[in-house]
C-alpha cells in the first residue's frame, strides 16, 4: 500500500474542498494557504469538509456501525470457524478475475483506493478509506468528496458500499474524477439482500442498474455479472426472516444461526448456478468491472 506520507508528498492526497495539496502541521494536515486544516487521529487524516456530517453518519441507526467497527477484534477460534462456514459465498471466476485485474495485479507502489474499506483489508495493495477511524482505515473521508487530486488514483475497489449511499451516482462520478486515464474500478453491490444499515441503507441494484451507474459517469464496462449467487441470497434472506419475525430475542438469534448453519451445504450449489448466464437475476450481489478509457 502506498503510505499516507507518500500520498501527501506526491500531492495525491489533497484537500477534499479545494483539491489543494496538504502538508503536515502540528496535530494535522493543512493546505498551503492555511485556509483548510484537518486533524490526524493516530496518524490517520480526518478529511471531512464538514465534521458535523461525519458525526451524523456515525450516529445513524443508533451508532451500530460505529460500535461494531470500533470493537472489531479477532474472534475465538471456534466462533471464527463458524463465521467462516456460514459466510462461504463461492464467488464466481468472473468476479475473482475482475478483482485480480483491478487490484491484485497492480504494483505495490500503485495507489489503489478501497472506498468503504475496513476493518478488514481485502488486499495489501489497498488503501482503506471510510467514514470513521476504524481498525485498518488509512483515510477518513466522504465518498461524495474524495480527498484525491484529479487522476491521482490508479485503481478503485468498492464493495458493499453503494447501497448505503443516498446519492450513489455522485460517488461514482467522484471515482471517475480521481482515477487516472486507463484506471480501473471494481464494484460489488447487493441485489437481493436484506435491509442492513451501515450506517444507512437506501437501495440495492439489479445488474443493469449497477452497470448504468458507471456508464453514466463516463466509464466503459469491461465485464459484469454475478458476485454472490442465488443460493446465498436465498439462505441469507431465510436467516434474516427468522431473526426478524421470530418472537423473543434469544429465539431470534438461535433460529437465525440454525438457518445459517443448515444452509451451508445449500450455498455450495452456487458453484453450479453461478455459471448460468441468468444467475444475476436472482443474485445476492453483482459486480461491475469498468475502466476510465483513454480519450
Protein backbone atom coordinates (compact mmCIF):
# COMPACT_ATOMS: atom_id res chain seq x y z
CA UNK A 1 0.00 0.00 0.00
CA UNK A 2 1.21 3.50 -0.84
CA UNK A 3 1.83 5.21 2.50
CA UNK A 4 -0.13 8.27 3.60
CA UNK A 5 3.10 10.27 3.81
CA UNK A 6 3.94 9.39 0.20
CA UNK A 7 0.39 10.23 -0.89
CA UNK A 8 0.72 13.65 0.73
CA UNK A 9 4.24 14.36 -0.54
CA UNK A 10 3.26 13.43 -4.10
CA UNK A 11 0.19 15.72 -3.88
CA UNK A 12 -2.19 12.82 -4.50
CA UNK A 13 -3.97 13.08 -1.15
CA UNK A 14 -5.43 16.59 -1.12
CA UNK A 15 -7.99 18.87 0.49
CA UNK A 16 -11.49 17.48 -0.25
CA UNK A 17 -12.85 21.01 -0.78
CA UNK A 18 -10.19 22.89 -2.80
CA UNK A 19 -8.14 19.90 -4.07
CA UNK A 20 -5.03 21.81 -2.98
CA UNK A 21 -2.05 19.77 -1.73
CA UNK A 22 -1.79 19.19 2.00
CA UNK A 23 1.26 19.24 4.24
CA UNK A 24 1.87 18.14 7.82
CA UNK A 25 1.44 20.64 10.63
CA UNK A 26 1.28 20.08 14.39
CA UNK A 27 -1.54 17.65 15.02
CA UNK A 28 -2.85 17.56 11.47
CA UNK A 29 -2.53 18.49 7.82
CA UNK A 30 -3.16 21.84 6.16
CA UNK A 31 -3.38 23.49 2.75
CA UNK A 32 -0.51 25.78 1.75
CA UNK A 33 -2.67 28.89 2.07
CA UNK A 34 -3.80 27.86 5.56
CA UNK A 35 -7.49 28.08 4.77
CA UNK A 36 -8.28 24.40 5.41
CA UNK A 37 -6.87 22.29 8.22
CA UNK A 38 -7.71 18.72 9.18
CA UNK A 39 -6.80 16.66 12.27
CA UNK A 40 -4.75 13.47 12.48
CA UNK A 41 -6.03 10.73 14.78
CA UNK A 42 -3.32 8.14 15.46
CA UNK A 43 -1.73 9.11 12.16
CA UNK A 44 -5.00 8.86 10.21
CA UNK A 45 -6.07 12.08 8.43
CA UNK A 46 -9.71 13.02 9.06
CA UNK A 47 -10.55 14.71 5.76
CA UNK A 48 -14.21 15.64 6.17
CA UNK A 49 -15.11 19.11 4.91
CA UNK A 50 -17.97 19.12 7.44
CA UNK A 51 -17.23 17.33 10.74
CA UNK A 52 -20.91 17.59 11.64
CA UNK A 53 -21.82 15.47 8.61
CA UNK A 54 -19.36 12.80 9.71
CA UNK A 55 -20.93 12.84 13.18
CA UNK A 56 -24.38 12.40 11.65
CA UNK A 57 -23.19 9.43 9.59
CA UNK A 58 -21.73 7.69 12.63
CA UNK A 59 -24.83 8.29 14.75
CA UNK A 60 -27.33 6.85 12.26
CA UNK A 61 -29.15 3.67 13.32
CA UNK A 62 -28.11 4.40 16.94
CA UNK A 63 -24.43 4.23 16.01
CA UNK A 64 -24.48 0.47 15.36
CA UNK A 65 -21.82 0.61 12.62
CA UNK A 66 -19.55 2.76 14.76
CA UNK A 67 -19.79 0.40 17.76
CA UNK A 68 -19.28 -2.75 15.71
CA UNK A 69 -16.35 -1.49 13.65
CA UNK A 70 -14.52 0.12 16.59
CA UNK A 71 -14.75 -3.07 18.64
CA UNK A 72 -13.80 -5.35 15.75
CA UNK A 73 -11.36 -7.94 17.03
CA UNK A 74 -10.25 -11.46 16.18
CA UNK A 75 -12.94 -13.86 17.42
CA UNK A 76 -12.17 -17.05 19.30
CA UNK A 77 -11.15 -19.94 17.07
CA UNK A 78 -14.43 -21.91 17.20
CA UNK A 79 -16.51 -18.79 16.55
CA UNK A 80 -14.14 -17.81 13.74
CA UNK A 81 -14.62 -21.21 12.08
CA UNK A 82 -18.40 -20.93 12.42
CA UNK A 83 -18.42 -17.46 10.85
CA UNK A 84 -16.21 -18.69 8.01
CA UNK A 85 -18.52 -21.60 7.23
CA UNK A 86 -21.79 -19.63 7.32
CA UNK A 87 -20.28 -16.86 5.20
CA UNK A 88 -18.94 -19.01 2.38
CA UNK A 89 -20.29 -17.37 -0.75
CA UNK A 90 -18.49 -19.12 -3.65
CA UNK A 91 -17.55 -16.07 -5.72
CA UNK A 92 -17.53 -16.99 -9.45
CA UNK A 93 -14.39 -16.76 -11.55
CA UNK A 94 -15.60 -13.60 -13.34
CA UNK A 95 -15.70 -11.76 -10.01
CA UNK A 96 -12.28 -13.09 -8.98
CA UNK A 97 -10.65 -12.25 -12.30
CA UNK A 98 -12.03 -8.71 -12.24
CA UNK A 99 -10.66 -8.20 -8.71
CA UNK A 100 -7.25 -9.54 -9.75
CA UNK A 101 -7.06 -7.24 -12.75
CA UNK A 102 -8.14 -4.18 -10.76
CA UNK A 103 -6.24 -4.63 -7.51
CA UNK A 104 -4.11 -7.75 -7.12
CA UNK A 105 -2.12 -7.27 -10.33
CA UNK A 106 -1.15 -3.68 -9.51
CA UNK A 107 2.42 -2.91 -8.37
CA UNK A 108 2.97 -2.21 -4.67
CA UNK A 109 3.63 1.49 -5.35
CA UNK A 110 0.26 1.97 -7.08
CA UNK A 111 -2.46 3.93 -5.30
CA UNK A 112 -5.37 1.52 -5.02
CA UNK A 113 -8.22 3.10 -3.08
CA UNK A 114 -10.75 0.98 -1.20
CA UNK A 115 -13.86 3.11 -0.66
CA UNK A 116 -15.60 1.80 2.44
CA UNK A 117 -12.58 -0.32 3.39
CA UNK A 118 -12.02 -1.60 6.93
CA UNK A 119 -11.94 -3.05 9.47
CA UNK A 120 -10.52 -5.78 7.23
CA UNK A 121 -8.04 -5.15 4.42
CA UNK A 122 -9.09 -7.11 1.36
CA UNK A 123 -5.61 -6.92 -0.22
CA UNK A 124 -2.23 -5.49 0.86
CA UNK A 125 -2.31 -3.07 -2.10
CA UNK A 126 -5.46 -1.33 -0.84
CA UNK A 127 -5.56 2.00 0.97
CA UNK A 128 -8.71 1.84 3.09
CA UNK A 129 -10.98 4.88 3.25
CA UNK A 130 -14.07 5.02 5.46
CA UNK A 131 -16.26 7.47 7.39
CA UNK A 132 -14.63 6.68 10.74
CA UNK A 133 -11.18 5.90 12.13
CA UNK A 134 -11.92 2.19 12.40
CA UNK A 135 -9.23 -0.53 12.54
CA UNK A 136 -7.22 -0.75 9.29
CA UNK A 137 -8.66 2.54 7.99
CA UNK A 138 -5.96 4.78 6.48
CA UNK A 139 -8.02 7.83 5.44
CA UNK A 140 -11.29 9.11 6.90
CA UNK A 141 -13.37 10.92 4.28
CA UNK A 142 -16.70 11.15 2.48
CA UNK A 143 -17.38 9.16 -0.71
CA UNK A 144 -19.04 12.28 -2.10
CA UNK A 145 -15.84 14.33 -1.64
CA UNK A 146 -12.88 12.05 -2.24
CA UNK A 147 -9.72 13.75 -0.93
CA UNK A 148 -7.69 12.96 -4.03
CA UNK A 149 -6.44 15.06 -6.91
CA UNK A 150 -7.88 14.60 -10.39
CA UNK A 151 -6.35 11.50 -11.99
CA UNK A 152 -4.30 10.65 -8.89
CA UNK A 153 -5.65 7.15 -8.19
CA UNK A 154 -4.58 4.03 -10.10
CA UNK A 155 -7.49 1.75 -9.11
CA UNK A 156 -10.69 1.84 -7.07
CA UNK A 157 -12.25 -1.01 -5.12
CA UNK A 158 -15.78 -0.55 -3.76
CA UNK A 159 -17.62 -3.50 -2.23
CA UNK A 160 -20.92 -3.35 -0.33
CA UNK A 161 -20.93 0.46 -0.25
CA UNK A 162 -23.18 1.93 -2.95
CA UNK A 163 -26.35 0.62 -1.31
CA UNK A 164 -25.51 2.71 1.77
CA UNK A 165 -25.20 5.98 -0.15
CA UNK A 166 -28.23 8.18 -0.69
CA UNK A 167 -26.64 9.61 -3.86
CA UNK A 168 -24.58 6.76 -5.36
CA UNK A 169 -24.25 8.49 -8.75
CA UNK A 170 -22.36 11.35 -7.11
CA UNK A 171 -19.93 8.87 -5.52
CA UNK A 172 -19.33 7.06 -8.83
CA UNK A 173 -18.65 10.39 -10.55
CA UNK A 174 -16.05 11.09 -7.85
CA UNK A 175 -14.42 7.74 -8.63
CA UNK A 176 -14.19 8.76 -12.29
CA UNK A 177 -12.64 12.12 -11.35
CA UNK A 178 -9.87 10.74 -9.15
CA UNK A 179 -8.94 7.80 -11.40
CA UNK A 180 -6.15 8.24 -13.92
CA UNK A 181 -6.86 7.63 -17.59
CA UNK A 182 -6.90 3.86 -18.04
CA UNK A 183 -7.54 3.34 -14.32
CA UNK A 184 -9.98 0.58 -13.39
CA UNK A 185 -12.76 0.28 -10.85
CA UNK A 186 -14.19 -2.89 -9.35
CA UNK A 187 -17.54 -2.56 -7.56
CA UNK A 188 -19.66 -5.28 -5.95
CA UNK A 189 -23.10 -4.22 -4.73
CA UNK A 190 -26.12 -6.08 -3.29
CA UNK A 191 -29.18 -7.01 -5.32
CA UNK A 192 -31.29 -9.49 -3.31
CA UNK A 193 -30.25 -8.68 0.24
CA UNK A 194 -31.98 -7.65 3.45
CA UNK A 195 -32.03 -4.15 4.89
CA UNK A 196 -28.68 -3.54 6.60
CA UNK A 197 -27.81 -0.02 7.65
CA UNK A 198 -24.05 0.70 7.69
CA UNK A 199 -24.73 3.47 8.54
CA UNK A 200 -27.92 3.58 6.42
CA UNK A 201 -29.39 1.60 3.53
CA UNK A 202 -31.06 3.33 0.60
CA UNK A 203 -31.21 0.88 -2.33
CA UNK A 204 -29.95 -2.32 -3.93
CA UNK A 205 -29.16 -2.69 -7.65
CA UNK A 206 -30.03 -5.00 -10.48
CA UNK A 207 -27.10 -5.79 -12.75
CA UNK A 208 -28.45 -3.35 -15.35
CA UNK A 209 -28.86 -0.59 -12.78
CA UNK A 210 -25.39 -1.28 -11.44
CA UNK A 211 -23.84 -1.01 -14.92
CA UNK A 212 -25.73 2.20 -15.75
CA UNK A 213 -24.34 3.96 -12.66
CA UNK A 214 -20.86 3.62 -14.12
CA UNK A 215 -21.76 4.20 -17.77
CA UNK A 216 -23.47 7.50 -16.88
CA UNK A 217 -20.33 8.61 -15.08
CA UNK A 218 -18.24 8.05 -18.23
CA UNK A 219 -16.82 4.57 -17.59
CA UNK A 220 -16.62 1.77 -20.14
CA UNK A 221 -17.69 -1.64 -18.81
CA UNK A 222 -15.04 -4.37 -19.10
CA UNK A 223 -17.13 -7.13 -17.52
CA UNK A 224 -20.04 -7.56 -15.14
CA UNK A 225 -22.11 -10.33 -13.64
CA UNK A 226 -22.91 -12.28 -10.51
CA UNK A 227 -20.77 -11.55 -7.49
CA UNK A 228 -22.62 -13.61 -4.87
CA UNK A 229 -25.09 -16.17 -6.16
CA UNK A 230 -28.77 -17.06 -5.79
CA UNK A 231 -28.41 -19.82 -3.19
CA UNK A 232 -26.59 -17.42 -0.88
CA UNK A 233 -29.38 -14.90 -1.49
CA UNK A 234 -31.99 -17.49 -0.55
CA UNK A 235 -30.18 -18.74 2.58
CA UNK A 236 -29.36 -15.27 3.92
CA UNK A 237 -32.90 -14.00 3.37
CA UNK A 238 -34.26 -17.05 5.23
CA UNK A 239 -31.90 -16.49 8.17
CA UNK A 240 -32.79 -12.81 8.38
CA UNK A 241 -36.50 -13.59 8.06
CA UNK A 242 -36.18 -15.82 11.10
CA UNK A 243 -34.20 -13.24 13.08
CA UNK A 244 -36.72 -10.53 12.23
CA UNK A 245 -40.04 -12.27 12.82
CA UNK A 246 -39.43 -14.89 15.50
CA UNK A 247 -40.59 -13.80 18.97
CA UNK A 248 -38.11 -13.20 21.79
CA UNK A 249 -34.56 -12.07 21.20
CA UNK A 250 -32.78 -15.34 22.23
CA UNK A 251 -35.07 -17.31 19.91
CA UNK A 252 -34.40 -14.86 17.06
CA UNK A 253 -30.63 -15.35 17.40
CA UNK A 254 -30.87 -19.13 17.77
CA UNK A 255 -33.19 -19.55 14.79
CA UNK A 256 -31.08 -17.23 12.65
CA UNK A 257 -27.93 -19.22 13.40
CA UNK A 258 -29.70 -22.55 12.80
CA UNK A 259 -30.90 -21.33 9.39
CA UNK A 260 -27.39 -20.16 8.52
CA UNK A 261 -25.78 -23.45 9.58
CA UNK A 262 -28.36 -25.61 7.78
CA UNK A 263 -27.78 -23.55 4.64
CA UNK A 264 -24.03 -24.28 4.50
CA UNK A 265 -24.34 -27.24 2.08
CA UNK A 266 -27.06 -25.46 0.08
CA UNK A 267 -24.76 -22.50 -0.61
CA UNK A 268 -22.30 -24.76 -2.43
CA UNK A 269 -24.88 -25.20 -5.20
CA UNK A 270 -23.84 -21.73 -6.38
CA UNK A 271 -20.72 -23.37 -7.81
CA UNK A 272 -23.12 -24.63 -10.47
CA UNK A 273 -25.84 -21.93 -10.50
CA UNK A 274 -23.34 -19.08 -10.90
CA UNK A 275 -22.36 -20.49 -14.30
CA UNK A 276 -25.85 -19.79 -15.61
CA UNK A 277 -25.88 -16.50 -17.59
CA UNK A 278 -29.15 -15.58 -15.85
CA UNK A 279 -27.83 -16.09 -12.32
CA UNK A 280 -27.60 -12.30 -11.87
CA UNK A 281 -31.41 -12.10 -11.94
CA UNK A 282 -31.55 -13.87 -8.56
CA UNK A 283 -28.10 -12.99 -7.24
CA UNK A 284 -27.33 -11.77 -3.76
CA UNK A 285 -24.87 -9.27 -5.28
CA UNK A 286 -23.48 -8.29 -8.68
CA UNK A 287 -20.16 -6.84 -9.77
CA UNK A 288 -19.09 -4.26 -12.32
CA UNK A 289 -15.53 -4.01 -13.66
CA UNK A 290 -15.02 -0.79 -15.58
CA UNK A 291 -12.28 1.45 -16.96
CA UNK A 292 -11.79 5.18 -17.36
CA UNK A 293 -10.88 4.99 -21.03
CA UNK A 294 -8.06 6.97 -22.55
CA UNK A 295 -9.66 9.74 -24.63
